All heavy atoms as atom14 arrays in JSON, in Angstrom:
{
  "sequence": "MKNLTATLLVGIGVAYTDLGQIVSAFSGQYLLLVGVTVLGAIIGSALV",
  "atom14_mask": [
    [1, 1, 1, 1, 1, 1, 1, 1, 0, 0, 0, 0, 0, 0],
    [1, 1, 1, 1, 1, 1, 1, 1, 1, 0, 0, 0, 0, 0],
    [1, 1, 1, 1, 1, 1, 1, 1, 0, 0, 0, 0, 0, 0],
    [1, 1, 1, 1, 1, 1, 1, 1, 0, 0, 0, 0, 0, 0],
    [1, 1, 1, 1, 1, 1, 1, 0, 0, 0, 0, 0, 0, 0],
    [1, 1, 1, 1, 1, 0, 0, 0, 0, 0, 0, 0, 0, 0],
    [1, 1, 1, 1, 1, 1, 1, 0, 0, 0, 0, 0, 0, 0],
    [1, 1, 1, 1, 1, 1, 1, 1, 0, 0, 0, 0, 0, 0],
    [1, 1, 1, 1, 1, 1, 1, 1, 0, 0, 0, 0, 0, 0],
    [1, 1, 1, 1, 1, 1, 1, 0, 0, 0, 0, 0, 0, 0],
    [1, 1, 1, 1, 0, 0, 0, 0, 0, 0, 0, 0, 0, 0],
    [1, 1, 1, 1, 1, 1, 1, 1, 0, 0, 0, 0, 0, 0],
    [1, 1, 1, 1, 0, 0, 0, 0, 0, 0, 0, 0, 0, 0],
    [1, 1, 1, 1, 1, 1, 1, 0, 0, 0, 0, 0, 0, 0],
    [1, 1, 1, 1, 1, 0, 0, 0, 0, 0, 0, 0, 0, 0],
    [1, 1, 1, 1, 1, 1, 1, 1, 1, 1, 1, 1, 0, 0],
    [1, 1, 1, 1, 1, 1, 1, 0, 0, 0, 0, 0, 0, 0],
    [1, 1, 1, 1, 1, 1, 1, 1, 0, 0, 0, 0, 0, 0],
    [1, 1, 1, 1, 1, 1, 1, 1, 0, 0, 0, 0, 0, 0],
    [1, 1, 1, 1, 0, 0, 0, 0, 0, 0, 0, 0, 0, 0],
    [1, 1, 1, 1, 1, 1, 1, 1, 1, 0, 0, 0, 0, 0],
    [1, 1, 1, 1, 1, 1, 1, 1, 0, 0, 0, 0, 0, 0],
    [1, 1, 1, 1, 1, 1, 1, 0, 0, 0, 0, 0, 0, 0],
    [1, 1, 1, 1, 1, 1, 0, 0, 0, 0, 0, 0, 0, 0],
    [1, 1, 1, 1, 1, 0, 0, 0, 0, 0, 0, 0, 0, 0],
    [1, 1, 1, 1, 1, 1, 1, 1, 1, 1, 1, 0, 0, 0],
    [1, 1, 1, 1, 1, 1, 0, 0, 0, 0, 0, 0, 0, 0],
    [1, 1, 1, 1, 0, 0, 0, 0, 0, 0, 0, 0, 0, 0],
    [1, 1, 1, 1, 1, 1, 1, 1, 1, 0, 0, 0, 0, 0],
    [1, 1, 1, 1, 1, 1, 1, 1, 1, 1, 1, 1, 0, 0],
    [1, 1, 1, 1, 1, 1, 1, 1, 0, 0, 0, 0, 0, 0],
    [1, 1, 1, 1, 1, 1, 1, 1, 0, 0, 0, 0, 0, 0],
    [1, 1, 1, 1, 1, 1, 1, 1, 0, 0, 0, 0, 0, 0],
    [1, 1, 1, 1, 1, 1, 1, 0, 0, 0, 0, 0, 0, 0],
    [1, 1, 1, 1, 0, 0, 0, 0, 0, 0, 0, 0, 0, 0],
    [1, 1, 1, 1, 1, 1, 1, 0, 0, 0, 0, 0, 0, 0],
    [1, 1, 1, 1, 1, 1, 1, 0, 0, 0, 0, 0, 0, 0],
    [1, 1, 1, 1, 1, 1, 1, 0, 0, 0, 0, 0, 0, 0],
    [1, 1, 1, 1, 1, 1, 1, 1, 0, 0, 0, 0, 0, 0],
    [1, 1, 1, 1, 0, 0, 0, 0, 0, 0, 0, 0, 0, 0],
    [1, 1, 1, 1, 1, 0, 0, 0, 0, 0, 0, 0, 0, 0],
    [1, 1, 1, 1, 1, 1, 1, 1, 0, 0, 0, 0, 0, 0],
    [1, 1, 1, 1, 1, 1, 1, 1, 0, 0, 0, 0, 0, 0],
    [1, 1, 1, 1, 0, 0, 0, 0, 0, 0, 0, 0, 0, 0],
    [1, 1, 1, 1, 1, 1, 0, 0, 0, 0, 0, 0, 0, 0],
    [1, 1, 1, 1, 1, 0, 0, 0, 0, 0, 0, 0, 0, 0],
    [1, 1, 1, 1, 1, 1, 1, 1, 0, 0, 0, 0, 0, 0],
    [1, 1, 1, 1, 1, 1, 1, 0, 0, 0, 0, 0, 0, 0]
  ],
  "atom14_positions": [
    [[0.84, -1.24, 0.0], [0.0, -0.01, 0.0], [0.85, 1.31, 0.04], [0.59, 2.21, -0.74], [-1.01, 0.0, 1.2], [-1.87, 1.22, 1.26], [-2.93, 1.2, 2.73], [-1.75, 1.55, 4.03], [0.0, 0.0, 0.0], [0.0, 0.0, 0.0], [0.0, 0.0, 0.0], [0.0, 0.0, 0.0], [0.0, 0.0, 0.0], [0.0, 0.0, 0.0]],
    [[1.91, 1.28, 0.83], [2.69, 2.47, 0.97], [3.67, 2.75, -0.23], [4.0, 3.82, -0.5], [3.51, 2.42, 2.22], [2.62, 2.58, 3.45], [3.47, 2.44, 4.78], [2.55, 2.54, 6.01], [3.31, 2.47, 7.29], [0.0, 0.0, 0.0], [0.0, 0.0, 0.0], [0.0, 0.0, 0.0], [0.0, 0.0, 0.0], [0.0, 0.0, 0.0]],
    [[4.04, 1.67, -0.94], [5.08, 1.8, -1.98], [4.48, 1.69, -3.39], [5.06, 2.26, -4.29], [6.13, 0.73, -1.8], [7.1, 0.96, -0.63], [7.89, 1.86, -0.65], [6.87, 0.22, 0.42], [0.0, 0.0, 0.0], [0.0, 0.0, 0.0], [0.0, 0.0, 0.0], [0.0, 0.0, 0.0], [0.0, 0.0, 0.0], [0.0, 0.0, 0.0]],
    [[3.4, 1.06, -3.53], [2.92, 0.73, -4.94], [1.53, 1.21, -5.22], [0.99, 0.89, -6.28], [3.02, -0.75, -5.2], [4.43, -1.43, -5.09], [4.32, -2.92, -5.38], [5.37, -0.72, -6.1], [0.0, 0.0, 0.0], [0.0, 0.0, 0.0], [0.0, 0.0, 0.0], [0.0, 0.0, 0.0], [0.0, 0.0, 0.0], [0.0, 0.0, 0.0]],
    [[0.86, 2.07, -4.41], [-0.4, 2.55, -4.68], [-0.46, 3.47, -5.93], [-1.2, 3.34, -6.84], [-1.08, 3.17, -3.44], [-1.23, 2.28, -2.43], [-2.46, 3.82, -3.81], [0.0, 0.0, 0.0], [0.0, 0.0, 0.0], [0.0, 0.0, 0.0], [0.0, 0.0, 0.0], [0.0, 0.0, 0.0], [0.0, 0.0, 0.0], [0.0, 0.0, 0.0]],
    [[0.54, 4.47, -5.83], [0.56, 5.4, -6.99], [0.94, 4.67, -8.29], [0.49, 4.99, -9.41], [1.63, 6.48, -6.71], [0.0, 0.0, 0.0], [0.0, 0.0, 0.0], [0.0, 0.0, 0.0], [0.0, 0.0, 0.0], [0.0, 0.0, 0.0], [0.0, 0.0, 0.0], [0.0, 0.0, 0.0], [0.0, 0.0, 0.0], [0.0, 0.0, 0.0]],
    [[1.82, 3.63, -8.13], [2.2, 2.78, -9.24], [0.99, 2.13, -9.9], [0.8, 2.2, -11.13], [3.23, 1.71, -8.82], [4.3, 2.37, -8.17], [3.63, 0.87, -9.93], [0.0, 0.0, 0.0], [0.0, 0.0, 0.0], [0.0, 0.0, 0.0], [0.0, 0.0, 0.0], [0.0, 0.0, 0.0], [0.0, 0.0, 0.0], [0.0, 0.0, 0.0]],
    [[0.13, 1.6, -9.01], [-1.07, 0.93, -9.52], [-2.02, 1.93, -10.18], [-2.63, 1.59, -11.26], [-1.79, 0.24, -8.41], [-3.06, -0.5, -8.85], [-2.72, -1.82, -9.5], [-4.02, -0.71, -7.63], [0.0, 0.0, 0.0], [0.0, 0.0, 0.0], [0.0, 0.0, 0.0], [0.0, 0.0, 0.0], [0.0, 0.0, 0.0], [0.0, 0.0, 0.0]],
    [[-2.16, 3.09, -9.64], [-2.97, 4.09, -10.2], [-2.63, 4.5, -11.63], [-3.42, 4.82, -12.47], [-3.1, 5.36, -9.3], [-3.72, 5.12, -7.92], [-3.56, 6.43, -7.06], [-5.14, 4.67, -8.07], [0.0, 0.0, 0.0], [0.0, 0.0, 0.0], [0.0, 0.0, 0.0], [0.0, 0.0, 0.0], [0.0, 0.0, 0.0], [0.0, 0.0, 0.0]],
    [[-1.26, 4.54, -11.88], [-0.8, 4.71, -13.26], [-1.36, 3.68, -14.17], [-1.85, 3.98, -15.31], [0.77, 4.72, -13.3], [1.2, 4.72, -14.76], [1.33, 5.97, -12.55], [0.0, 0.0, 0.0], [0.0, 0.0, 0.0], [0.0, 0.0, 0.0], [0.0, 0.0, 0.0], [0.0, 0.0, 0.0], [0.0, 0.0, 0.0], [0.0, 0.0, 0.0]],
    [[-1.29, 2.42, -13.74], [-1.82, 1.3, -14.55], [-3.36, 1.44, -14.75], [-3.83, 1.11, -15.87], [0.0, 0.0, 0.0], [0.0, 0.0, 0.0], [0.0, 0.0, 0.0], [0.0, 0.0, 0.0], [0.0, 0.0, 0.0], [0.0, 0.0, 0.0], [0.0, 0.0, 0.0], [0.0, 0.0, 0.0], [0.0, 0.0, 0.0], [0.0, 0.0, 0.0]],
    [[-4.08, 1.91, -13.76], [-5.51, 2.05, -13.96], [-5.74, 3.18, -15.01], [-6.62, 3.05, -15.87], [-6.18, 2.53, -12.63], [-6.05, 1.35, -11.62], [-7.58, 2.92, -12.77], [-6.57, 1.74, -10.23], [0.0, 0.0, 0.0], [0.0, 0.0, 0.0], [0.0, 0.0, 0.0], [0.0, 0.0, 0.0], [0.0, 0.0, 0.0], [0.0, 0.0, 0.0]],
    [[-5.02, 4.23, -14.92], [-5.15, 5.39, -15.96], [-4.87, 4.85, -17.36], [-5.54, 5.26, -18.33], [0.0, 0.0, 0.0], [0.0, 0.0, 0.0], [0.0, 0.0, 0.0], [0.0, 0.0, 0.0], [0.0, 0.0, 0.0], [0.0, 0.0, 0.0], [0.0, 0.0, 0.0], [0.0, 0.0, 0.0], [0.0, 0.0, 0.0], [0.0, 0.0, 0.0]],
    [[-3.81, 4.04, -17.51], [-3.44, 3.57, -18.8], [-4.38, 2.46, -19.35], [-4.79, 2.58, -20.49], [-2.0, 3.11, -18.84], [-1.59, 2.43, -20.14], [-1.01, 4.13, -18.46], [0.0, 0.0, 0.0], [0.0, 0.0, 0.0], [0.0, 0.0, 0.0], [0.0, 0.0, 0.0], [0.0, 0.0, 0.0], [0.0, 0.0, 0.0], [0.0, 0.0, 0.0]],
    [[-4.6, 1.43, -18.54], [-5.23, 0.27, -19.01], [-6.8, 0.2, -18.85], [-7.46, -0.52, -19.54], [-4.65, -1.02, -18.29], [0.0, 0.0, 0.0], [0.0, 0.0, 0.0], [0.0, 0.0, 0.0], [0.0, 0.0, 0.0], [0.0, 0.0, 0.0], [0.0, 0.0, 0.0], [0.0, 0.0, 0.0], [0.0, 0.0, 0.0], [0.0, 0.0, 0.0]],
    [[-7.28, 0.97, -17.92], [-8.71, 0.91, -17.65], [-9.51, 2.14, -17.84], [-10.71, 2.18, -17.76], [-8.91, 0.42, -16.2], [-8.47, -0.95, -15.91], [-7.19, -1.25, -15.47], [-9.3, -2.04, -16.08], [-6.75, -2.54, -15.22], [-8.91, -3.33, -15.82], [-7.59, -3.59, -15.37], [-7.22, -4.86, -15.13], [0.0, 0.0, 0.0], [0.0, 0.0, 0.0]],
    [[-8.91, 3.31, -18.1], [-9.57, 4.58, -18.26], [-9.45, 5.11, -19.65], [-8.42, 5.47, -20.08], [-9.03, 5.59, -17.24], [-8.95, 4.98, -15.89], [-9.9, 6.86, -17.2], [0.0, 0.0, 0.0], [0.0, 0.0, 0.0], [0.0, 0.0, 0.0], [0.0, 0.0, 0.0], [0.0, 0.0, 0.0], [0.0, 0.0, 0.0], [0.0, 0.0, 0.0]],
    [[-10.65, 5.09, -20.35], [-10.71, 5.5, -21.74], [-11.29, 6.93, -21.77], [-12.47, 7.09, -21.61], [-11.56, 4.59, -22.59], [-11.47, 4.85, -24.05], [-11.17, 6.1, -24.38], [-11.68, 3.97, -24.85], [0.0, 0.0, 0.0], [0.0, 0.0, 0.0], [0.0, 0.0, 0.0], [0.0, 0.0, 0.0], [0.0, 0.0, 0.0], [0.0, 0.0, 0.0]],
    [[-10.4, 7.96, -21.83], [-10.85, 9.35, -21.81], [-11.77, 9.66, -22.97], [-12.72, 10.44, -22.88], [-9.63, 10.25, -21.9], [-9.89, 11.69, -21.51], [-10.34, 11.9, -20.1], [-8.57, 12.54, -21.72], [0.0, 0.0, 0.0], [0.0, 0.0, 0.0], [0.0, 0.0, 0.0], [0.0, 0.0, 0.0], [0.0, 0.0, 0.0], [0.0, 0.0, 0.0]],
    [[-11.58, 8.95, -24.08], [-12.41, 9.18, -25.3], [-13.88, 8.81, -25.0], [-14.82, 9.53, -25.4], [0.0, 0.0, 0.0], [0.0, 0.0, 0.0], [0.0, 0.0, 0.0], [0.0, 0.0, 0.0], [0.0, 0.0, 0.0], [0.0, 0.0, 0.0], [0.0, 0.0, 0.0], [0.0, 0.0, 0.0], [0.0, 0.0, 0.0], [0.0, 0.0, 0.0]],
    [[-14.14, 7.66, -24.35], [-15.42, 7.27, -24.0], [-16.12, 8.25, -23.02], [-17.23, 8.49, -23.07], [-15.41, 5.87, -23.42], [-15.13, 4.71, -24.34], [-15.06, 3.38, -23.74], [-15.0, 3.28, -22.5], [-15.13, 2.29, -24.49], [0.0, 0.0, 0.0], [0.0, 0.0, 0.0], [0.0, 0.0, 0.0], [0.0, 0.0, 0.0], [0.0, 0.0, 0.0]],
    [[-15.37, 8.7, -22.09], [-15.86, 9.69, -21.08], [-16.28, 10.95, -21.81], [-17.38, 11.48, -21.59], [-14.84, 9.97, -19.99], [-14.56, 8.65, -19.21], [-15.35, 11.03, -19.1], [-13.49, 8.77, -18.15], [0.0, 0.0, 0.0], [0.0, 0.0, 0.0], [0.0, 0.0, 0.0], [0.0, 0.0, 0.0], [0.0, 0.0, 0.0], [0.0, 0.0, 0.0]],
    [[-15.44, 11.47, -22.64], [-15.76, 12.71, -23.41], [-16.89, 12.55, -24.29], [-17.76, 13.49, -24.34], [-14.51, 13.2, -24.14], [-14.82, 14.39, -25.04], [-13.38, 13.54, -23.21], [0.0, 0.0, 0.0], [0.0, 0.0, 0.0], [0.0, 0.0, 0.0], [0.0, 0.0, 0.0], [0.0, 0.0, 0.0], [0.0, 0.0, 0.0], [0.0, 0.0, 0.0]],
    [[-17.02, 11.51, -25.04], [-18.11, 11.26, -26.01], [-19.43, 11.14, -25.31], [-20.45, 11.44, -25.97], [-17.81, 10.03, -26.79], [-17.86, 8.81, -26.03], [0.0, 0.0, 0.0], [0.0, 0.0, 0.0], [0.0, 0.0, 0.0], [0.0, 0.0, 0.0], [0.0, 0.0, 0.0], [0.0, 0.0, 0.0], [0.0, 0.0, 0.0], [0.0, 0.0, 0.0]],
    [[-19.43, 10.77, -24.09], [-20.75, 10.57, -23.42], [-21.31, 11.9, -22.76], [-22.41, 11.95, -22.35], [-20.63, 9.54, -22.31], [0.0, 0.0, 0.0], [0.0, 0.0, 0.0], [0.0, 0.0, 0.0], [0.0, 0.0, 0.0], [0.0, 0.0, 0.0], [0.0, 0.0, 0.0], [0.0, 0.0, 0.0], [0.0, 0.0, 0.0], [0.0, 0.0, 0.0]],
    [[-20.48, 12.89, -22.84], [-20.88, 14.13, -22.17], [-21.95, 14.88, -22.85], [-21.9, 15.19, -24.0], [-19.65, 15.11, -22.13], [-18.88, 14.96, -20.77], [-17.85, 14.1, -20.74], [-19.19, 15.77, -19.72], [-17.13, 13.89, -19.61], [-18.44, 15.65, -18.53], [-17.45, 14.72, -18.47], [0.0, 0.0, 0.0], [0.0, 0.0, 0.0], [0.0, 0.0, 0.0]],
    [[-23.11, 14.95, -22.12], [-24.25, 15.74, -22.49], [-24.85, 16.14, -21.12], [-24.66, 15.46, -20.15], [-25.28, 14.98, -23.4], [-25.99, 14.12, -22.74], [0.0, 0.0, 0.0], [0.0, 0.0, 0.0], [0.0, 0.0, 0.0], [0.0, 0.0, 0.0], [0.0, 0.0, 0.0], [0.0, 0.0, 0.0], [0.0, 0.0, 0.0], [0.0, 0.0, 0.0]],
    [[-25.55, 17.31, -21.17], [-26.11, 17.75, -19.94], [-27.07, 16.71, -19.24], [-26.94, 16.44, -18.03], [0.0, 0.0, 0.0], [0.0, 0.0, 0.0], [0.0, 0.0, 0.0], [0.0, 0.0, 0.0], [0.0, 0.0, 0.0], [0.0, 0.0, 0.0], [0.0, 0.0, 0.0], [0.0, 0.0, 0.0], [0.0, 0.0, 0.0], [0.0, 0.0, 0.0]],
    [[-27.94, 16.15, -20.04], [-28.91, 15.15, -19.5], [-28.24, 13.89, -19.0], [-28.52, 13.39, -17.94], [-29.89, 14.86, -20.69], [-31.03, 13.94, -20.14], [-32.02, 13.55, -21.38], [-31.51, 13.13, -22.41], [-33.33, 13.82, -21.2], [0.0, 0.0, 0.0], [0.0, 0.0, 0.0], [0.0, 0.0, 0.0], [0.0, 0.0, 0.0], [0.0, 0.0, 0.0]],
    [[-27.34, 13.33, -19.85], [-26.61, 12.11, -19.42], [-25.77, 12.28, -18.22], [-25.79, 11.48, -17.33], [-25.79, 11.67, -20.67], [-25.24, 10.26, -20.56], [-26.02, 9.19, -21.2], [-24.1, 9.87, -19.9], [-25.57, 7.92, -21.13], [-23.63, 8.6, -19.86], [-24.4, 7.58, -20.49], [-23.97, 6.29, -20.4], [0.0, 0.0, 0.0], [0.0, 0.0, 0.0]],
    [[-25.01, 13.43, -18.18], [-24.24, 13.71, -17.06], [-25.06, 13.88, -15.8], [-24.63, 13.47, -14.69], [-23.47, 15.03, -17.37], [-22.19, 15.3, -16.48], [-21.19, 14.22, -16.74], [-21.6, 16.67, -16.89], [0.0, 0.0, 0.0], [0.0, 0.0, 0.0], [0.0, 0.0, 0.0], [0.0, 0.0, 0.0], [0.0, 0.0, 0.0], [0.0, 0.0, 0.0]],
    [[-26.17, 14.47, -15.93], [-27.12, 14.67, -14.71], [-27.56, 13.3, -14.22], [-27.55, 13.09, -12.94], [-28.32, 15.52, -15.17], [-29.42, 15.66, -14.11], [-28.88, 16.44, -12.88], [-30.61, 16.41, -14.7], [0.0, 0.0, 0.0], [0.0, 0.0, 0.0], [0.0, 0.0, 0.0], [0.0, 0.0, 0.0], [0.0, 0.0, 0.0], [0.0, 0.0, 0.0]],
    [[-27.94, 12.41, -15.06], [-28.39, 11.06, -14.7], [-27.31, 10.23, -13.98], [-27.49, 9.64, -12.98], [-28.94, 10.35, -15.84], [-30.28, 10.91, -16.41], [-30.62, 10.23, -17.73], [-31.44, 10.64, -15.36], [0.0, 0.0, 0.0], [0.0, 0.0, 0.0], [0.0, 0.0, 0.0], [0.0, 0.0, 0.0], [0.0, 0.0, 0.0], [0.0, 0.0, 0.0]],
    [[-26.1, 10.37, -14.54], [-25.0, 9.67, -13.9], [-24.71, 10.27, -12.52], [-24.47, 9.57, -11.5], [-23.72, 9.76, -14.75], [-22.5, 9.27, -13.95], [-23.9, 9.04, -16.06], [0.0, 0.0, 0.0], [0.0, 0.0, 0.0], [0.0, 0.0, 0.0], [0.0, 0.0, 0.0], [0.0, 0.0, 0.0], [0.0, 0.0, 0.0], [0.0, 0.0, 0.0]],
    [[-24.73, 11.65, -12.46], [-24.55, 12.34, -11.21], [-25.53, 11.97, -10.14], [-25.17, 11.79, -8.94], [0.0, 0.0, 0.0], [0.0, 0.0, 0.0], [0.0, 0.0, 0.0], [0.0, 0.0, 0.0], [0.0, 0.0, 0.0], [0.0, 0.0, 0.0], [0.0, 0.0, 0.0], [0.0, 0.0, 0.0], [0.0, 0.0, 0.0], [0.0, 0.0, 0.0]],
    [[-26.85, 11.92, -10.45], [-27.85, 11.64, -9.43], [-27.73, 10.19, -9.01], [-28.06, 9.89, -7.84], [-29.27, 11.95, -9.9], [-29.38, 13.46, -10.16], [-29.67, 11.08, -11.13], [0.0, 0.0, 0.0], [0.0, 0.0, 0.0], [0.0, 0.0, 0.0], [0.0, 0.0, 0.0], [0.0, 0.0, 0.0], [0.0, 0.0, 0.0], [0.0, 0.0, 0.0]],
    [[-27.32, 9.3, -9.95], [-27.06, 7.94, -9.48], [-26.05, 7.8, -8.44], [-26.16, 7.17, -7.43], [-26.67, 7.04, -10.74], [-27.75, 7.1, -11.68], [-26.5, 5.61, -10.33], [0.0, 0.0, 0.0], [0.0, 0.0, 0.0], [0.0, 0.0, 0.0], [0.0, 0.0, 0.0], [0.0, 0.0, 0.0], [0.0, 0.0, 0.0], [0.0, 0.0, 0.0]],
    [[-24.9, 8.47, -8.66], [-23.77, 8.41, -7.67], [-24.22, 9.07, -6.38], [-23.96, 8.64, -5.27], [-22.54, 9.1, -8.27], [-21.43, 9.25, -7.21], [-22.08, 8.36, -9.46], [0.0, 0.0, 0.0], [0.0, 0.0, 0.0], [0.0, 0.0, 0.0], [0.0, 0.0, 0.0], [0.0, 0.0, 0.0], [0.0, 0.0, 0.0], [0.0, 0.0, 0.0]],
    [[-24.94, 10.22, -6.56], [-25.47, 10.93, -5.34], [-26.39, 10.07, -4.53], [-26.37, 10.04, -3.31], [-26.17, 12.22, -5.77], [-26.77, 13.06, -4.63], [-25.61, 13.58, -3.77], [-27.53, 14.27, -5.29], [0.0, 0.0, 0.0], [0.0, 0.0, 0.0], [0.0, 0.0, 0.0], [0.0, 0.0, 0.0], [0.0, 0.0, 0.0], [0.0, 0.0, 0.0]],
    [[-27.33, 9.32, -5.22], [-28.21, 8.42, -4.63], [-27.5, 7.29, -3.88], [-27.9, 6.99, -2.75], [0.0, 0.0, 0.0], [0.0, 0.0, 0.0], [0.0, 0.0, 0.0], [0.0, 0.0, 0.0], [0.0, 0.0, 0.0], [0.0, 0.0, 0.0], [0.0, 0.0, 0.0], [0.0, 0.0, 0.0], [0.0, 0.0, 0.0], [0.0, 0.0, 0.0]],
    [[-26.43, 6.77, -4.44], [-25.61, 5.75, -3.81], [-24.99, 6.32, -2.44], [-25.02, 5.63, -1.44], [-24.52, 5.29, -4.66], [0.0, 0.0, 0.0], [0.0, 0.0, 0.0], [0.0, 0.0, 0.0], [0.0, 0.0, 0.0], [0.0, 0.0, 0.0], [0.0, 0.0, 0.0], [0.0, 0.0, 0.0], [0.0, 0.0, 0.0], [0.0, 0.0, 0.0]],
    [[-24.6, 7.62, -2.48], [-24.07, 8.17, -1.31], [-25.06, 8.43, -0.22], [-24.86, 8.0, 0.97], [-23.39, 9.55, -1.7], [-22.15, 9.42, -2.52], [-23.02, 10.36, -0.39], [-21.57, 10.7, -3.15], [0.0, 0.0, 0.0], [0.0, 0.0, 0.0], [0.0, 0.0, 0.0], [0.0, 0.0, 0.0], [0.0, 0.0, 0.0], [0.0, 0.0, 0.0]],
    [[-26.21, 8.97, -0.62], [-27.3, 9.35, 0.34], [-27.87, 8.04, 0.92], [-27.97, 7.95, 2.2], [-28.39, 10.14, -0.32], [-27.84, 11.5, -0.78], [-29.55, 10.26, 0.59], [-28.8, 12.3, -1.6], [0.0, 0.0, 0.0], [0.0, 0.0, 0.0], [0.0, 0.0, 0.0], [0.0, 0.0, 0.0], [0.0, 0.0, 0.0], [0.0, 0.0, 0.0]],
    [[-28.19, 7.06, 0.12], [-28.78, 5.82, 0.62], [-27.96, 5.07, 1.54], [-28.39, 4.66, 2.64], [0.0, 0.0, 0.0], [0.0, 0.0, 0.0], [0.0, 0.0, 0.0], [0.0, 0.0, 0.0], [0.0, 0.0, 0.0], [0.0, 0.0, 0.0], [0.0, 0.0, 0.0], [0.0, 0.0, 0.0], [0.0, 0.0, 0.0], [0.0, 0.0, 0.0]],
    [[-26.66, 4.9, 1.18], [-25.74, 4.13, 1.98], [-25.35, 4.87, 3.3], [-25.22, 4.27, 4.33], [-24.48, 3.78, 1.16], [-23.87, 4.93, 0.7], [0.0, 0.0, 0.0], [0.0, 0.0, 0.0], [0.0, 0.0, 0.0], [0.0, 0.0, 0.0], [0.0, 0.0, 0.0], [0.0, 0.0, 0.0], [0.0, 0.0, 0.0], [0.0, 0.0, 0.0]],
    [[-25.3, 6.2, 3.22], [-25.0, 7.01, 4.39], [-26.05, 6.87, 5.4], [-25.89, 6.76, 6.6], [-24.67, 8.45, 3.99], [0.0, 0.0, 0.0], [0.0, 0.0, 0.0], [0.0, 0.0, 0.0], [0.0, 0.0, 0.0], [0.0, 0.0, 0.0], [0.0, 0.0, 0.0], [0.0, 0.0, 0.0], [0.0, 0.0, 0.0], [0.0, 0.0, 0.0]],
    [[-27.35, 7.04, 4.97], [-28.47, 7.04, 5.79], [-28.72, 5.73, 6.49], [-28.86, 5.56, 7.66], [-29.78, 7.51, 5.05], [-29.86, 8.95, 4.71], [-31.07, 9.23, 3.79], [-29.79, 9.89, 5.85], [0.0, 0.0, 0.0], [0.0, 0.0, 0.0], [0.0, 0.0, 0.0], [0.0, 0.0, 0.0], [0.0, 0.0, 0.0], [0.0, 0.0, 0.0]],
    [[-28.71, 4.66, 5.65], [-28.93, 3.29, 6.17], [-27.71, 2.89, 7.03], [-27.88, 2.27, 8.08], [-29.11, 2.28, 5.07], [-29.25, 0.89, 5.61], [-30.4, 2.62, 4.27], [0.0, 0.0, 0.0], [0.0, 0.0, 0.0], [0.0, 0.0, 0.0], [0.0, 0.0, 0.0], [0.0, 0.0, 0.0], [0.0, 0.0, 0.0], [0.0, 0.0, 0.0]]
  ]
}
């Protein structure tokens, strides 16, 4: 954890994060729906 976390995050950025897919999906409506889903996960799990 102390020595290789940043190392692993580099791998996540290279191998698992497609910036093109993220950019192409951007629209106000779509972004709003993704945002409220994540917000709902936060609220529901925090309350329960």
